[in-house]
Every structure is written in structure tokens, then in C-alpha cells.
C-alpha atoms as a PDB file:
ATOM      1  CA  MET A   1       0.180   0.018  -0.101  1.00  0.00           C
ATOM      2  CA  ARG A   2       2.797   2.475   0.623  1.00  0.00           C
ATOM      3  CA  GLY A   3       4.434   1.738  -2.420  1.00  0.00           C
ATOM      4  CA  ARG A   4       1.331   2.283  -4.298  1.00  0.00           C
ATOM      5  CA  GLN A   5       0.984   5.742  -2.263  1.00  0.00           C
ATOM      6  CA  ARG A   6       4.501   6.893  -3.034  1.00  0.00           C
ATOM      7  CA  ARG A   7       3.738   5.935  -7.078  1.00  0.00           C
ATOM      8  CA  LEU A   8       0.417   7.961  -6.721  1.00  0.00           C
ATOM      9  CA  GLN A   9       2.378  10.853  -5.524  1.00  0.00           C
ATOM     10  CA  LEU A  10       5.195  10.735  -8.014  1.00  0.00           C
ATOM     11  CA  GLY A  11       2.712  10.540 -11.194  1.00  0.00           C
ATOM     12  CA  LEU A  12       0.466  13.363  -9.980  1.00  0.00           C
ATOM     13  CA  LEU A  13       3.633  15.553  -8.754  1.00  0.00           C
ATOM     14  CA  LEU A  14       5.319  15.271 -12.279  1.00  0.00           C
ATOM     15  CA  LEU A  15       1.919  16.069 -13.877  1.00  0.00           C
ATOM     16  CA  ALA A  16       1.685  19.093 -11.783  1.00  0.00           C
ATOM     17  CA  THR A  17       5.034  20.412 -12.507  1.00  0.00           C
ATOM     18  CA  GLN A  18       4.487  20.059 -16.060  1.00  0.00           C
ATOM     19  CA  LEU A  19       1.180  22.183 -15.631  1.00  0.00           C
ATOM     20  CA  TYR A  20       3.164  24.371 -13.598  1.00  0.00           C
ATOM     21  CA  GLN A  21       6.109  24.812 -16.322  1.00  0.00           C
ATOM     22  CA  ALA A  22       3.196  25.388 -18.884  1.00  0.00           C
ATOM     23  CA  GLY A  23       1.083  27.924 -16.981  1.00  0.00           C
ATOM     24  CA  LEU A  24      -2.647  27.222 -16.461  1.00  0.00           C
ATOM     25  CA  ASN A  25      -3.038  30.341 -18.063  1.00  0.00           C
ATOM     26  CA  ASN A  26      -1.698  29.235 -21.283  1.00  0.00           C
ATOM     27  CA  ILE A  27      -3.617  26.094 -21.379  1.00  0.00           C
ATOM     28  CA  PRO A  28      -6.669  26.747 -23.657  1.00  0.00           C
ATOM     29  CA  PRO A  29     -10.148  25.833 -21.467  1.00  0.00           C
ATOM     30  CA  ALA A  30     -11.136  22.658 -23.322  1.00  0.00           C
ATOM     31  CA  THR A  31      -7.601  21.243 -23.113  1.00  0.00           C
ATOM     32  CA  LEU A  32      -7.801  22.156 -19.546  1.00  0.00           C
ATOM     33  CA  ALA A  33     -11.075  20.624 -18.762  1.00  0.00           C
ATOM     34  CA  VAL A  34     -10.449  17.245 -20.542  1.00  0.00           C
ATOM     35  CA  LEU A  35      -7.162  17.064 -18.840  1.00  0.00           C
ATOM     36  CA  GLY A  36      -8.565  18.036 -15.152  1.00  0.00           C
ATOM     37  CA  LEU A  37     -11.517  15.350 -15.918  1.00  0.00           C
ATOM     38  CA  ASN A  38      -8.869  12.705 -16.287  1.00  0.00           C
ATOM     39  CA  VAL A  39      -7.331  13.327 -13.311  1.00  0.00           C
ATOM     40  CA  TYR A  40     -10.564  13.606 -11.328  1.00  0.00           C
ATOM     41  CA  LEU A  41     -11.405  10.030 -12.698  1.00  0.00           C
ATOM     42  CA  PHE A  42      -8.327   8.733 -11.683  1.00  0.00           C
ATOM     43  CA  LEU A  43      -8.664  10.151  -8.031  1.00  0.00           C
ATOM     44  CA  PHE A  44     -12.321   9.349  -7.979  1.00  0.00           C
ATOM     45  CA  PRO A  45     -13.362   6.429 -10.281  1.00  0.00           C
ATOM     46  CA  ALA A  46     -16.717   5.847 -11.571  1.00  0.00           C
ATOM     47  CA  ALA A  47     -16.084   2.429 -11.521  1.00  0.00           C
ATOM     48  CA  PRO A  48     -13.648  -0.335 -10.712  1.00  0.00           C
ATOM     49  CA  LEU A  49     -10.949  -0.723 -13.672  1.00  0.00           C
ATOM     50  CA  MET A  50     -12.317  -4.097 -14.688  1.00  0.00           C
ATOM     51  CA  GLU A  51     -15.755  -2.200 -15.095  1.00  0.00           C
ATOM     52  CA  THR A  52     -14.420   0.324 -17.054  1.00  0.00           C
ATOM     53  CA  CYS A  53     -12.233  -1.167 -19.983  1.00  0.00           C
ATOM     54  CA  VAL A  54     -13.914  -2.099 -22.937  1.00  0.00           C
ATOM     55  CA  SER A  55     -13.822  -5.480 -24.737  1.00  0.00           C
ATOM     56  CA  VAL A  56     -16.165  -7.208 -27.472  1.00  0.00           C
ATOM     57  CA  GLN A  57     -16.930  -9.906 -24.506  1.00  0.00           C
ATOM     58  CA  GLU A  58     -17.928  -7.132 -21.746  1.00  0.00           C
ATOM     59  CA  THR A  59     -19.337  -4.228 -23.829  1.00  0.00           C
ATOM     60  CA  TYR A  60     -21.015  -5.845 -27.085  1.00  0.00           C
ATOM     61  CA  ARG A  61     -22.064  -9.318 -26.239  1.00  0.00           C
ATOM     62  CA  LEU A  62     -23.105  -8.300 -22.503  1.00  0.00           C
ATOM     63  CA  ARG A  63     -24.622  -4.983 -23.689  1.00  0.00           C
ATOM     64  CA  ASP A  64     -22.285  -2.662 -21.276  1.00  0.00           C
ATOM     65  CA  TRP A  65     -22.365   0.565 -23.700  1.00  0.00           C
ATOM     66  CA  ARG A  66     -21.406   2.615 -20.528  1.00  0.00           C
ATOM     67  CA  ARG A  67     -17.826   1.189 -20.967  1.00  0.00           C
ATOM     68  CA  LEU A  68     -17.418   3.365 -24.399  1.00  0.00           C
ATOM     69  CA  LEU A  69     -17.696   6.532 -22.245  1.00  0.00           C
ATOM     70  CA  LEU A  70     -15.637   5.334 -19.160  1.00  0.00           C
ATOM     71  CA  SER A  71     -12.692   3.635 -20.540  1.00  0.00           C
ATOM     72  CA  PRO A  72     -10.861   6.609 -22.417  1.00  0.00           C
ATOM     73  CA  VAL A  73     -10.996   9.048 -19.136  1.00  0.00           C
ATOM     74  CA  HIS A  74      -9.854   5.800 -16.966  1.00  0.00           C
ATOM     75  CA  HIS A  75      -6.098   5.129 -16.475  1.00  0.00           C
ATOM     76  CA  ALA A  76      -4.458   1.845 -14.980  1.00  0.00           C
ATOM     77  CA  ASP A  77      -1.891   3.844 -12.589  1.00  0.00           C
ATOM     78  CA  ASP A  78      -0.814   7.257 -11.876  1.00  0.00           C
ATOM     79  CA  LEU A  79       2.549   7.126 -14.692  1.00  0.00           C
ATOM     80  CA  HIS A  80      -0.139   6.035 -17.323  1.00  0.00           C
ATOM     81  CA  LEU A  81      -2.368   8.921 -16.340  1.00  0.00           C
ATOM     82  CA  TYR A  82       1.039  10.946 -15.967  1.00  0.00           C
ATOM     83  CA  PHE A  83       2.335  10.037 -19.894  1.00  0.00           C
ATOM     84  CA  ASN A  84      -1.120  10.235 -21.504  1.00  0.00           C
ATOM     85  CA  MET A  85      -2.039  13.790 -20.332  1.00  0.00           C
ATOM     86  CA  VAL A  86       1.439  15.376 -21.090  1.00  0.00           C
ATOM     87  CA  SER A  87       1.210  14.222 -24.645  1.00  0.00           C
ATOM     88  CA  PHE A  88      -2.364  15.206 -24.743  1.00  0.00           C
ATOM     89  CA  LEU A  89      -1.354  18.544 -23.234  1.00  0.00           C
ATOM     90  CA  VAL A  90       0.904  19.467 -26.237  1.00  0.00           C
ATOM     91  CA  LYS A  91      -1.549  18.360 -28.906  1.00  0.00           C
ATOM     92  CA  GLY A  92      -4.657  20.051 -27.228  1.00  0.00           C
ATOM     93  CA  ILE A  93      -2.887  23.525 -27.020  1.00  0.00           C
ATOM     94  CA  ARG A  94      -2.074  23.248 -30.615  1.00  0.00           C
ATOM     95  CA  LEU A  95      -5.272  22.036 -31.965  1.00  0.00           C
ATOM     96  CA  GLU A  96      -7.513  23.886 -29.914  1.00  0.00           C
ATOM     97  CA  ARG A  97      -5.936  27.342 -30.802  1.00  0.00           C
ATOM     98  CA  ARG A  98      -6.030  26.604 -34.391  1.00  0.00           C
ATOM     99  CA  LEU A  99      -9.737  24.916 -33.995  1.00  0.00           C
ATOM    100  CA  GLY A 100     -11.273  26.915 -31.336  1.00  0.00           C
ATOM    101  CA  SER A 101     -12.352  25.748 -28.022  1.00  0.00           C
ATOM    102  CA  ALA A 102     -15.836  24.594 -28.671  1.00  0.00           C
ATOM    103  CA  TRP A 103     -15.111  22.722 -31.979  1.00  0.00           C
ATOM    104  CA  PHE A 104     -11.883  20.928 -30.385  1.00  0.00           C
ATOM    105  CA  PHE A 105     -14.165  19.800 -27.103  1.00  0.00           C
ATOM    106  CA  TYR A 106     -16.684  18.546 -29.438  1.00  0.00           C
ATOM    107  CA  MET A 107     -14.322  16.778 -31.444  1.00  0.00           C
ATOM    108  CA  VAL A 108     -12.314  15.297 -28.483  1.00  0.00           C
ATOM    109  CA  SER A 109     -15.469  13.825 -27.318  1.00  0.00           C
ATOM    110  CA  VAL A 110     -16.843  12.178 -30.904  1.00  0.00           C
ATOM    111  CA  PHE A 111     -13.295  10.647 -30.676  1.00  0.00           C
ATOM    112  CA  SER A 112     -13.360   9.268 -27.444  1.00  0.00           C
ATOM    113  CA  LEU A 113     -16.457   7.553 -28.356  1.00  0.00           C
ATOM    114  CA  LEU A 114     -15.673   6.613 -31.808  1.00  0.00           C
ATOM    115  CA  VAL A 115     -11.963   5.006 -30.957  1.00  0.00           C
ATOM    116  CA  GLY A 116     -13.939   2.373 -28.652  1.00  0.00           C
ATOM    117  CA  VAL A 117     -16.645   1.815 -31.269  1.00  0.00           C
ATOM    118  CA  VAL A 118     -13.850   1.024 -33.931  1.00  0.00           C
ATOM    119  CA  TYR A 119     -11.794  -0.856 -31.374  1.00  0.00           C
ATOM    120  CA  LEU A 120     -14.976  -3.394 -30.975  1.00  0.00           C
ATOM    121  CA  GLY A 121     -15.133  -3.719 -34.726  1.00  0.00           C
ATOM    122  CA  LEU A 122     -11.734  -4.489 -35.190  1.00  0.00           C
ATOM    123  CA  GLU A 123     -11.696  -6.958 -32.271  1.00  0.00           C
ATOM    124  CA  ALA A 124     -14.824  -8.590 -33.363  1.00  0.00           C
ATOM    125  CA  ALA A 125     -13.629  -9.078 -36.894  1.00  0.00           C
ATOM    126  CA  LEU A 126     -10.034 -10.380 -35.664  1.00  0.00           C
ATOM    127  CA  THR A 127     -12.463 -13.066 -33.634  1.00  0.00           C
ATOM    128  CA  GLU A 128     -14.469 -13.895 -36.788  1.00  0.00           C
ATOM    129  CA  LEU A 129     -11.068 -14.311 -39.015  1.00  0.00           C
ATOM    130  CA  THR A 130      -9.013 -16.000 -36.541  1.00  0.00           C
ATOM    131  CA  HIS A 131     -11.682 -18.204 -34.753  1.00  0.00           C
ATOM    132  CA  ASP A 132      -9.805 -16.901 -31.817  1.00  0.00           C
ATOM    133  CA  GLN A 133     -11.747 -15.810 -28.608  1.00  0.00           C
ATOM    134  CA  SER A 134      -9.062 -14.168 -26.854  1.00  0.00           C
ATOM    135  CA  HIS A 135      -9.268 -11.194 -29.165  1.00  0.00           C
ATOM    136  CA  SER A 136     -12.960 -10.547 -27.902  1.00  0.00           C
ATOM    137  CA  MET A 137     -11.658 -11.032 -24.432  1.00  0.00           C
ATOM    138  CA  ASP A 138      -9.130  -8.103 -24.644  1.00  0.00           C
ATOM    139  CA  CYS A 139      -9.822  -5.109 -22.419  1.00  0.00           C
ATOM    140  CA  VAL A 140      -8.465  -1.783 -22.854  1.00  0.00           C
ATOM    141  CA  VAL A 141      -8.528   1.103 -20.960  1.00  0.00           C
ATOM    142  CA  GLY A 142      -6.807   4.573 -21.007  1.00  0.00           C
ATOM    143  CA  PHE A 143      -6.487   8.026 -23.496  1.00  0.00           C
ATOM    144  CA  SER A 144      -4.038   6.685 -25.763  1.00  0.00           C
ATOM    145  CA  GLY A 145      -6.348   6.251 -28.643  1.00  0.00           C
ATOM    146  CA  VAL A 146      -7.797   9.226 -28.533  1.00  0.00           C
ATOM    147  CA  ILE A 147      -3.954  10.665 -28.625  1.00  0.00           C
ATOM    148  CA  PHE A 148      -3.298   8.929 -31.728  1.00  0.00           C
ATOM    149  CA  ALA A 149      -6.326  10.108 -33.149  1.00  0.00           C
ATOM    150  CA  LEU A 150      -5.287  13.898 -32.300  1.00  0.00           C
ATOM    151  CA  LYS A 151      -1.633  12.958 -33.517  1.00  0.00           C
ATOM    152  CA  VAL A 152      -2.758  12.128 -37.019  1.00  0.00           C
ATOM    153  CA  LEU A 153      -4.915  15.401 -37.006  1.00  0.00           C
ATOM    154  CA  SER A 154      -1.915  17.677 -35.806  1.00  0.00           C
ATOM    155  CA  ASN A 155       0.262  15.809 -38.195  1.00  0.00           C
ATOM    156  CA  HIS A 156      -2.164  16.720 -40.953  1.00  0.00           C
ATOM    157  CA  TYR A 157      -2.108  20.203 -40.259  1.00  0.00           C
ATOM    158  CA  HIS A 158       1.629  20.425 -40.389  1.00  0.00           C
ATOM    159  CA  ARG A 159       2.704  18.097 -43.238  1.00  0.00           C
ATOM    160  CA  GLY A 160       5.878  19.400 -44.327  1.00  0.00           C
ATOM    161  CA  GLY A 161       7.215  19.078 -40.586  1.00  0.00           C
ATOM    162  CA  VAL A 162       9.022  16.245 -38.845  1.00  0.00           C
ATOM    163  CA  THR A 163       8.630  14.083 -35.937  1.00  0.00           C
ATOM    164  CA  TYR A 164      11.528  12.942 -33.994  1.00  0.00           C
ATOM    165  CA  VAL A 165      11.012   9.216 -33.006  1.00  0.00           C
ATOM    166  CA  LEU A 166      13.980   7.767 -30.613  1.00  0.00           C
ATOM    167  CA  GLY A 167      15.837  10.880 -31.956  1.00  0.00           C
ATOM    168  CA  TYR A 168      15.481   9.863 -35.599  1.00  0.00           C
ATOM    169  CA  PRO A 169      13.374  12.672 -37.868  1.00  0.00           C
ATOM    170  CA  VAL A 170      10.155  11.154 -39.140  1.00  0.00           C
ATOM    171  CA  SER A 171       7.665  12.708 -41.610  1.00  0.00           C
ATOM    172  CA  ASN A 172       4.666  13.695 -40.286  1.00  0.00           C
ATOM    173  CA  CYS A 173       2.948  11.805 -42.672  1.00  0.00           C
ATOM    174  CA  TYR A 174       4.168   8.590 -41.682  1.00  0.00           C
ATOM    175  CA  ALA A 175       4.924   9.302 -37.962  1.00  0.00           C
ATOM    176  CA  SER A 176       1.839   7.746 -36.580  1.00  0.00           C
ATOM    177  CA  TRP A 177       2.652   4.567 -38.364  1.00  0.00           C
ATOM    178  CA  VAL A 178       5.917   4.455 -37.195  1.00  0.00           C
ATOM    179  CA  GLU A 179       5.306   4.806 -33.561  1.00  0.00           C
ATOM    180  CA  LEU A 180       2.688   2.330 -33.962  1.00  0.00           C
ATOM    181  CA  VAL A 181       4.914  -0.078 -35.198  1.00  0.00           C
ATOM    182  CA  LEU A 182       7.580   1.172 -32.552  1.00  0.00           C
ATOM    183  CA  ILE A 183       5.301   0.316 -29.757  1.00  0.00           C
ATOM    184  CA  HIS A 184       4.195  -3.096 -30.804  1.00  0.00           C
ATOM    185  CA  ILE A 185       7.627  -4.013 -30.923  1.00  0.00           C
ATOM    186  CA  THR A 186       9.067  -2.139 -27.782  1.00  0.00           C
ATOM    187  CA  ALA A 187       5.985  -2.532 -25.611  1.00  0.00           C
ATOM    188  CA  PRO A 188       4.059  -5.780 -25.947  1.00  0.00           C
ATOM    189  CA  GLY A 189       1.468  -5.398 -23.391  1.00  0.00           C
ATOM    190  CA  THR A 190      -0.010  -2.305 -24.809  1.00  0.00           C
ATOM    191  CA  SER A 191      -2.885  -2.576 -27.265  1.00  0.00           C
ATOM    192  CA  LEU A 192      -1.903  -2.477 -30.882  1.00  0.00           C
ATOM    193  CA  ILE A 193      -5.764  -2.938 -31.983  1.00  0.00           C
ATOM    194  CA  GLY A 194      -6.654   0.121 -29.382  1.00  0.00           C
ATOM    195  CA  HIS A 195      -3.806   2.480 -31.084  1.00  0.00           C
ATOM    196  CA  LEU A 196      -4.595   1.340 -34.490  1.00  0.00           C
ATOM    197  CA  SER A 197      -8.189   2.578 -33.843  1.00  0.00           C
ATOM    198  CA  GLY A 198      -7.127   5.821 -32.990  1.00  0.00           C
ATOM    199  CA  ILE A 199      -5.458   6.160 -36.255  1.00  0.00           C
ATOM    200  CA  LEU A 200      -8.391   5.056 -38.306  1.00  0.00           C
ATOM    201  CA  VAL A 201     -10.387   7.638 -36.273  1.00  0.00           C
ATOM    202  CA  GLY A 202      -8.310  10.568 -36.968  1.00  0.00           C
ATOM    203  CA  LEU A 203      -8.152   9.214 -40.558  1.00  0.00           C
ATOM    204  CA  LEU A 204     -11.883   9.194 -40.908  1.00  0.00           C
ATOM    205  CA  TYR A 205     -11.576  12.804 -39.629  1.00  0.00           C
ATOM    206  CA  THR A 206      -8.616  14.028 -42.031  1.00  0.00           C
ATOM    207  CA  THR A 207      -9.172  11.965 -45.446  1.00  0.00           C
ATOM    208  CA  GLY A 208     -13.086  10.686 -44.460  1.00  0.00           C
ATOM    209  CA  PRO A 209     -16.551  11.503 -44.406  1.00  0.00           C
ATOM    210  CA  LEU A 210     -16.175  12.334 -40.319  1.00  0.00           C
ATOM    211  CA  GLU A 211     -15.351  16.073 -40.205  1.00  0.00           C
ATOM    212  CA  LYS A 212     -18.309  16.720 -42.795  1.00  0.00           C
ATOM    213  CA  MET A 213     -20.405  14.631 -40.505  1.00  0.00           C
ATOM    214  CA  MET A 214     -19.744  16.393 -37.672  1.00  0.00           C
ATOM    215  CA  LYS A 215     -20.120  19.824 -39.305  1.00  0.00           C
ATOM    216  CA  ILE A 216     -23.646  18.608 -40.573  1.00  0.00           C
ATOM    217  CA  CYS A 217     -24.624  17.359 -36.745  1.00  0.00           C
ATOM    218  CA  ALA A 218     -23.222  20.648 -35.473  1.00  0.00           C
ATOM    219  CA  ALA A 219     -25.445  22.963 -37.800  1.00  0.00           C
ATOM    220  CA  ALA A 220     -28.416  21.034 -36.891  1.00  0.00           C
ATOM    221  CA  TRP A 221     -27.920  21.525 -33.381  1.00  0.00           C
ATOM    222  CA  VAL A 222     -27.087  25.320 -33.693  1.00  0.00           C
ATOM    223  CA  THR A 223     -30.140  25.898 -36.067  1.00  0.00           C
ATOM    224  CA  ALA A 224     -32.650  24.140 -33.571  1.00  0.00           C
ATOM    225  CA  SER A 225     -30.937  25.923 -30.672  1.00  0.00           C
ATOM    226  CA  THR A 226     -31.331  29.465 -32.450  1.00  0.00           C
ATOM    227  CA  PHE A 227     -35.123  28.262 -33.308  1.00  0.00           C
ATOM    228  CA  THR A 228     -35.779  27.929 -29.772  1.00  0.00           C
ATOM    229  CA  SER A 229     -34.081  31.146 -28.737  1.00  0.00           C
ATOM    230  CA  SER A 230     -35.767  33.040 -31.444  1.00  0.00           C
ATOM    231  CA  SER A 231     -39.403  31.703 -30.591  1.00  0.00           C
ATOM    232  CA  ALA A 232     -38.620  32.584 -26.775  1.00  0.00           C
ATOM    233  CA  PHE A 233     -37.870  36.118 -27.563  1.00  0.00           C
ATOM    234  CA  ALA A 234     -39.853  36.798 -30.487  1.00  0.00           C
ATOM    235  CA  SER A 235     -41.501  39.522 -28.864  1.00  0.00           C
ATOM    236  CA  SER A 236     -38.755  41.286 -28.142  1.00  0.00           C
ATOM    237  CA  GLY A 237     -38.213  41.556 -31.818  1.00  0.00           C
ATOM    238  CA  TYR A 238     -34.841  39.371 -31.581  1.00  0.00           C
ATOM    239  CA  SER A 239     -33.985  37.377 -34.647  1.00  0.00           C
ATOM    240  CA  GLY A 240     -30.833  35.197 -34.896  1.00  0.00           C
ATOM    241  CA  THR A 241     -31.383  32.413 -37.367  1.00  0.00           C
ATOM    242  CA  ASN A 242     -27.395  32.433 -38.212  1.00  0.00           C
ATOM    243  CA  GLY A 243     -26.329  34.292 -34.805  1.00  0.00           C
ATOM    244  CA  GLY A 244     -24.320  31.127 -33.540  1.00  0.00           C
ATOM    245  CA  TYR A 245     -23.148  30.070 -36.572  1.00  0.00           C
ATOM    246  CA  SER A 246     -21.509  33.096 -37.519  1.00  0.00           C
ATOM    247  CA  ARG A 247     -19.876  33.377 -34.077  1.00  0.00           C
ATOM    248  CA  ARG A 248     -18.419  30.394 -34.437  1.00  0.00           C
ATOM    249  CA  SER A 249     -17.333  30.935 -37.550  1.00  0.00           C
ATOM    250  CA  HIS A 250     -15.469  34.214 -36.477  1.00  0.00           C
ATOM    251  CA  ALA A 251     -14.328  32.004 -33.658  1.00  0.00           C
ATOM    252  CA  TYR A 252     -12.568  30.066 -36.258  1.00  0.00           C
ATOM    253  CA  THR A 253     -11.182  32.899 -38.128  1.00  0.00           C
ATOM    254  CA  THR A 254      -9.681  34.557 -35.312  1.00  0.00           C
ATOM    255  CA  ALA A 255      -7.788  31.088 -33.936  1.00  0.00           C
ATOM    256  CA  ASP A 256      -6.130  30.689 -37.544  1.00  0.00           C
ATOM    257  CA  SER A 257      -5.273  34.275 -37.571  1.00  0.00           C
ATOM    258  CA  SER A 258      -3.413  33.713 -34.312  1.00  0.00           C
ATOM    259  CA  HIS A 259      -2.144  30.356 -34.831  1.00  0.00           C
ATOM    260  CA  ALA A 260       1.301  31.541 -36.576  1.00  0.00           C
ATOM    261  CA  ARG A 261       2.072  33.584 -33.459  1.00  0.00           C
ATOM    262  CA  GLU A 262       1.756  30.845 -31.225  1.00  0.00           C
ATOM    263  CA  VAL A 263       3.921  27.987 -32.935  1.00  0.00           C
ATOM    264  CA  MET A 264       7.086  29.015 -31.450  1.00  0.00           C
ATOM    265  CA  GLU A 265       5.627  28.985 -27.687  1.00  0.00           C
ATOM    266  CA  GLU A 266       3.960  25.668 -28.507  1.00  0.00           C
ATOM    267  CA  GLU A 267       7.386  24.239 -29.711  1.00  0.00           C
ATOM    268  CA  GLU A 268       9.299  25.558 -26.775  1.00  0.00           C
ATOM    269  CA  LEU A 269       6.534  23.638 -24.537  1.00  0.00           C
ATOM    270  CA  ALA A 270       6.809  20.773 -26.486  1.00  0.00           C
ATOM    271  CA  ALA A 271      10.705  20.749 -26.218  1.00  0.00           C
ATOM    272  CA  ALA A 272      10.544  21.404 -22.243  1.00  0.00           C
ATOM    273  CA  ILE A 273       8.229  18.475 -21.843  1.00  0.00           C
ATOM    274  CA  ARG A 274      10.520  16.156 -23.622  1.00  0.00           C
ATOM    275  CA  ASN A 275      13.371  17.107 -21.725  1.00  0.00           C
ATOM    276  CA  SER A 276      11.763  16.577 -18.790  1.00  0.00           C
ATOM    277  CA  LEU A 277      10.311  13.366 -19.581  1.00  0.00           C
ATOM    278  CA  ASN A 278      13.710  12.140 -20.698  1.00  0.00           C
ATOM    279  CA  ASP A 279      15.042  13.208 -17.501  1.00  0.00           C
ATOM    280  CA  ARG A 280      12.364  11.670 -14.928  1.00  0.00           C
ATOM    281  CA  GLY A 281      11.314   8.671 -17.244  1.00  0.00           C
ATOM    282  CA  ARG A 282      14.749   7.371 -17.049  1.00  0.00           C
ATOM    283  CA  ARG A 283      14.449   7.292 -13.309  1.00  0.00           C
ATOM    284  CA  SER A 284      11.021   5.296 -12.864  1.00  0.00           C
ATOM    285  CA  GLN A 285      11.279   3.362 -16.340  1.00  0.00           C
ATOM    286  CA  ARG A 286      11.491   0.017 -14.507  1.00  0.00           C
ATOM    287  CA  GLU A 287       8.174   0.587 -13.061  1.00  0.00           C
ATOM    288  CA  ALA A 288       6.396   2.851 -15.581  1.00  0.00           C
ATOM    289  CA  PRO A 289       4.241   1.887 -18.564  1.00  0.00           C
ATOM    290  CA  PRO A 290       5.524   3.190 -21.875  1.00  0.00           C
ATOM    291  CA  PRO A 291       4.302   7.093 -22.381  1.00  0.00           C
ATOM    292  CA  ALA A 292       1.036   7.833 -23.828  1.00  0.00           C
ATOM    293  CA  TYR A 293      -0.004   4.101 -24.429  1.00  0.00           C
ATOM    294  CA  GLY A 294      -3.026   2.089 -23.256  1.00  0.00           C
ATOM    295  CA  PHE A 295      -3.206  -0.984 -21.067  1.00  0.00           C
ATOM    296  CA  ARG A 296      -4.461  -4.288 -22.019  1.00  0.00           C
ATOM    297  CA  LEU A 297      -5.946  -6.199 -19.769  1.00  0.00           C
ATOM    298  CA  SER A 298      -5.953  -9.941 -20.611  1.00  0.00           C
ATOM    299  CA  GLU A 299      -8.525 -12.701 -19.606  1.00  0.00           C
ATOM    300  CA  GLU A 300      -6.558 -13.920 -17.160  1.00  0.00           C
ATOM    301  CA  GLU A 301      -6.054 -10.651 -15.425  1.00  0.00           C
ATOM    302  CA  LEU A 302      -9.585  -9.996 -15.358  1.00  0.00           C
ATOM    303  CA  ARG A 303     -10.418 -13.000 -13.909  1.00  0.00           C
ATOM    304  CA  TRP A 304      -7.799 -12.645 -11.567  1.00  0.00           C
ATOM    305  CA  ARG A 305      -9.360  -9.389 -10.306  1.00  0.00           C
ATOM    306  CA  ARG A 306     -12.883 -10.671 -10.076  1.00  0.00           C
ATOM    307  CA  LEU A 307     -11.466 -13.564  -7.705  1.00  0.00           C
ATOM    308  CA  ARG A 308      -9.288 -10.666  -5.613  1.00  0.00           C
ATOM    309  CA  ARG A 309     -12.660  -9.058  -5.525  1.00  0.00           C
ATOM    310  CA  PHE A 310     -14.609 -11.731  -4.349  1.00  0.00           C
ATOM    311  CA  ASP A 311     -12.114 -12.617  -1.875  1.00  0.00           C
ATOM    312  CA  SER A 312     -12.176  -9.541  -0.344  1.00  0.00           C
END
């Protein structure tokens, strides 16, 4: 118990240090809200870990759909949380300033749900193709699938840049795929399918129909909200049919025009975090999970957790 408390304090202390270095006033509101939600649910989980992870068996066959909402925002331990949130911090700052807070929060919410849906589809397909039921029992938890989707989106907006993987420059076009393979080789306990699901969701947004579908849904919601407001204030002569959409469009324009001025600040933050991770990560490498990667709970581990709970 004492060892776990020390690790708990270590992970949260490292995360608090990174937030202090970044400066809370420099973190956009949606990014800060998502980060705060993950920290809160780590300290006060909505359910035990074995009841929040996503698998074909537990989610689809047993119809426990709430796992799709709980799995992305729960983490296996404090260092898992720390690495995921530090990775999300850099991507969130850059993307939210480019897209605007409302759209970024909407996008992260959709990505969180779709990553789990795509994961279930891939695992179900593997189960049918290989006739191996272990695929349907693999249970994943963590925010890393969403981070991979955001990584694809960030690389899409910076196509000419490079990402350093193990010190080697890799074109942003291929960085996500290189990291996917590298993680699978160096950290076999992580979920390859979970990370792949994140990449596919990111591609659905950047090259597929997802962005257009999200805009249609958002426009329909804005129209419905405006119609309700117009009806409520009709007696005062207020008419705001396009008010919500116009304000949102203006927010996009403002974010895009200021993005160029903020790139240097973001790169300095990313460099500072990378240096900190290199220094502190080496000291805790033996007990820490790989950075920004989801955990996969095997069938044996799930069974052991159940037996332990019943025994207690």
C-alpha cells in the first residue's frame, strides 16, 4: 500500500510540475477541462478498472455500453495517467488554438466514443477471421487511442514538418504509423488494436467523411437552438437565425489568424516536456508504463481481479 501511495504521489507530482511549467493561463479551456476530468476520475473513479475497460465480450455481448464512455477517461495507474496527459497537453494546446475551444471539445468527445466503437469492430473481425476468442476478451483502458487520433490530425495540419522518434526525424505523414509499429515491438503489453483504432478515427476525420458529418450535426444543433431562442424572444423582435454559426465562424477565423504567432511558444513547451520526460522517465522506467499508450487487460488478469474482489 505504501509503495502504491508513493507512486500515486510521484505521478501526480510530475503532472503538476508539467502544468506549472506550461502555466495554467497558457492552457486553453477545453484542453484544461479534459485534462482535469481525467485526473478527477483517476482520483475518484466512476467504477473499478475491470468495469470500465472496453472489450467485445464485456461491452458488445453483455451490452455494457457505458464502457465506451468510461474507458477513455480511466487509467491503470498514476504514471499511465501522467504520460497520457502530458502527450495530450501539447496536442491539445496546438489544436484547440487552431480550431477553437468549442469545436475542439466537440471533436475530442466524438473521438473518445468512436475509438471504442472502431476497436470493438476490429476485435470482432479478428475473432471471426482467426476463430480465436482471446481477441474478444482483450479489454483496454486509457486515453491513448484518442491521443493517436489527435496525433494524426496534428500531423495533417503540419504536413511539411517532422517528428523525432527515438531521436530520428520522421515525416509527419508517416510518424503515427512508425510509432504504432515501434510501440508494438518495444511494449508488447500495450494494445496494438487500440492504437490502430485511434489512427483510423483520425484518418476518418482528415481524409474521410467524419468531419463533414460532424459539421452537419453541429449545424443542425445550432439551427435547432437558434430556432428555440428565436421563438422564446420573438416578442422582443430578436432574430438570430445565423447568430450562433456566425460567431463560431468568427472564432475559427480568429484562432487561425493567431496560430502563426503561437507556434514558437508551443514548440518551446513541447521541447521542455520532452526534456523533462527524458530526465524523469529514465528514473522510473523500470516500473512505468510506456508514455501515452493504453493498457490491455488480458482474460487471465480480468479473472484474477474478479477473484480478488470476491475474496475480499
